[in-house]
C-alpha atoms as a PDB file:
ATOM      1  CA  MET A   1       0.000   0.000   0.000  1.00  0.00           C
ATOM      2  CA  LEU A   2       2.858   2.340   0.668  1.00  0.00           C
ATOM      3  CA  ARG A   3       4.253   1.616  -2.774  1.00  0.00           C
ATOM      4  CA  LEU A   4       0.870   2.571  -4.279  1.00  0.00           C
ATOM      5  CA  THR A   5       1.185   5.941  -2.572  1.00  0.00           C
ATOM      6  CA  GLU A   6       4.767   6.392  -3.742  1.00  0.00           C
ATOM      7  CA  THR A   7       3.949   5.631  -7.381  1.00  0.00           C
ATOM      8  CA  SER A   8       0.757   7.685  -7.589  1.00  0.00           C
ATOM      9  CA  GLY A   9       2.405  11.076  -7.699  1.00  0.00           C
ATOM     10  CA  GLY A  10       1.610  11.941  -4.094  1.00  0.00           C
ATOM     11  CA  LYS A  11      -2.114  11.238  -4.420  1.00  0.00           C
ATOM     12  CA  ARG A  12      -3.584   8.624  -2.137  1.00  0.00           C
ATOM     13  CA  PRO A  13      -5.311   5.999  -4.277  1.00  0.00           C
ATOM     14  CA  SER A  14      -8.674   4.609  -3.232  1.00  0.00           C
ATOM     15  CA  LEU A  15      -8.890   0.902  -2.463  1.00  0.00           C
ATOM     16  CA  VAL A  16     -11.846  -1.414  -3.075  1.00  0.00           C
ATOM     17  CA  THR A  17     -12.395  -4.998  -1.928  1.00  0.00           C
ATOM     18  CA  ALA A  18     -15.141  -7.544  -1.362  1.00  0.00           C
ATOM     19  CA  SER A  19     -15.116  -9.283   1.997  1.00  0.00           C
ATOM     20  CA  ALA A  20     -17.345 -10.139   4.910  1.00  0.00           C
ATOM     21  CA  GLY A  21     -14.639 -11.105   7.311  1.00  0.00           C
ATOM     22  CA  ASN A  22     -10.985 -11.038   8.201  1.00  0.00           C
ATOM     23  CA  HIS A  23      -9.702  -9.868   4.813  1.00  0.00           C
ATOM     24  CA  GLY A  24     -11.935  -6.794   4.884  1.00  0.00           C
ATOM     25  CA  ARG A  25     -11.058  -6.065   8.485  1.00  0.00           C
ATOM     26  CA  ALA A  26      -7.309  -6.405   7.883  1.00  0.00           C
ATOM     27  CA  LEU A  27      -7.401  -4.253   4.765  1.00  0.00           C
ATOM     28  CA  ALA A  28      -9.513  -1.651   6.570  1.00  0.00           C
ATOM     29  CA  TYR A  29      -6.944  -1.503   9.364  1.00  0.00           C
ATOM     30  CA  ALA A  30      -4.057  -1.217   6.895  1.00  0.00           C
ATOM     31  CA  ALA A  31      -5.838   1.455   4.843  1.00  0.00           C
ATOM     32  CA  GLN A  32      -6.608   3.452   7.959  1.00  0.00           C
ATOM     33  CA  SER A  33      -2.964   3.207   9.066  1.00  0.00           C
ATOM     34  CA  ALA A  34      -1.800   4.404   5.649  1.00  0.00           C
ATOM     35  CA  GLY A  35      -4.429   7.158   5.457  1.00  0.00           C
ATOM     36  CA  MET A  36      -6.029   5.642   2.368  1.00  0.00           C
ATOM     37  CA  PRO A  37      -9.774   5.493   1.675  1.00  0.00           C
ATOM     38  CA  LEU A  38     -11.272   2.014   1.377  1.00  0.00           C
ATOM     39  CA  THR A  39     -14.634   0.746   0.188  1.00  0.00           C
ATOM     40  CA  VAL A  40     -15.613  -2.780   1.243  1.00  0.00           C
ATOM     41  CA  TYR A  41     -18.476  -4.628  -0.444  1.00  0.00           C
ATOM     42  CA  ALA A  42     -20.017  -7.293   1.793  1.00  0.00           C
ATOM     43  CA  PRO A  43     -23.075  -9.514   1.654  1.00  0.00           C
ATOM     44  CA  GLU A  44     -26.010  -8.407   3.782  1.00  0.00           C
ATOM     45  CA  GLN A  45     -26.037 -11.710   5.683  1.00  0.00           C
ATOM     46  CA  ALA A  46     -22.453 -11.247   6.933  1.00  0.00           C
ATOM     47  CA  PRO A  47     -21.987 -11.362  10.715  1.00  0.00           C
ATOM     48  CA  MET A  48     -22.699  -7.966  12.255  1.00  0.00           C
ATOM     49  CA  THR A  49     -19.565  -8.232  14.426  1.00  0.00           C
ATOM     50  CA  LYS A  50     -17.424  -8.468  11.287  1.00  0.00           C
ATOM     51  CA  LEU A  51     -19.205  -5.578   9.577  1.00  0.00           C
ATOM     52  CA  ASN A  52     -18.904  -3.384  12.663  1.00  0.00           C
ATOM     53  CA  ALA A  53     -15.181  -4.142  12.895  1.00  0.00           C
ATOM     54  CA  ILE A  54     -14.697  -3.081   9.260  1.00  0.00           C
ATOM     55  CA  ARG A  55     -16.633   0.148   9.881  1.00  0.00           C
ATOM     56  CA  ALA A  56     -14.684   0.834  13.070  1.00  0.00           C
ATOM     57  CA  CYS A  57     -11.505   1.067  11.010  1.00  0.00           C
ATOM     58  CA  GLY A  58     -13.025   3.837   8.909  1.00  0.00           C
ATOM     59  CA  ALA A  59     -13.853   1.888   5.758  1.00  0.00           C
ATOM     60  CA  GLU A  60     -16.948   2.691   3.747  1.00  0.00           C
ATOM     61  CA  LEU A  61     -19.142  -0.392   3.828  1.00  0.00           C
ATOM     62  CA  LYS A  62     -21.524  -1.206   0.964  1.00  0.00           C
ATOM     63  CA  LEU A  63     -23.903  -4.090   1.573  1.00  0.00           C
ATOM     64  CA  CYS A  64     -25.070  -6.289  -1.308  1.00  0.00           C
ATOM     65  CA  ALA A  65     -27.445  -9.217  -1.504  1.00  0.00           C
ATOM     66  CA  THR A  66     -24.591 -11.523  -2.603  1.00  0.00           C
ATOM     67  CA  TYR A  67     -21.027 -11.294  -3.868  1.00  0.00           C
ATOM     68  CA  ASP A  68     -22.400 -11.809  -7.377  1.00  0.00           C
ATOM     69  CA  GLU A  69     -24.446  -8.612  -7.238  1.00  0.00           C
END
């Protein structure tokens, strides 16, 4: 993620991922630490504890019916 910042001409790139669990939470933590915006797409039926943890790290959370949506 730091290399993305270095190669983007000083602009902080936006990150996007799809996850309802540990991947989304870890990326949200890393993005927050690097000062990078992150959008996480997650299925609506994902555990609320996981979704809250992703939000707590400052990621924008977008809920979808399924990953295929």
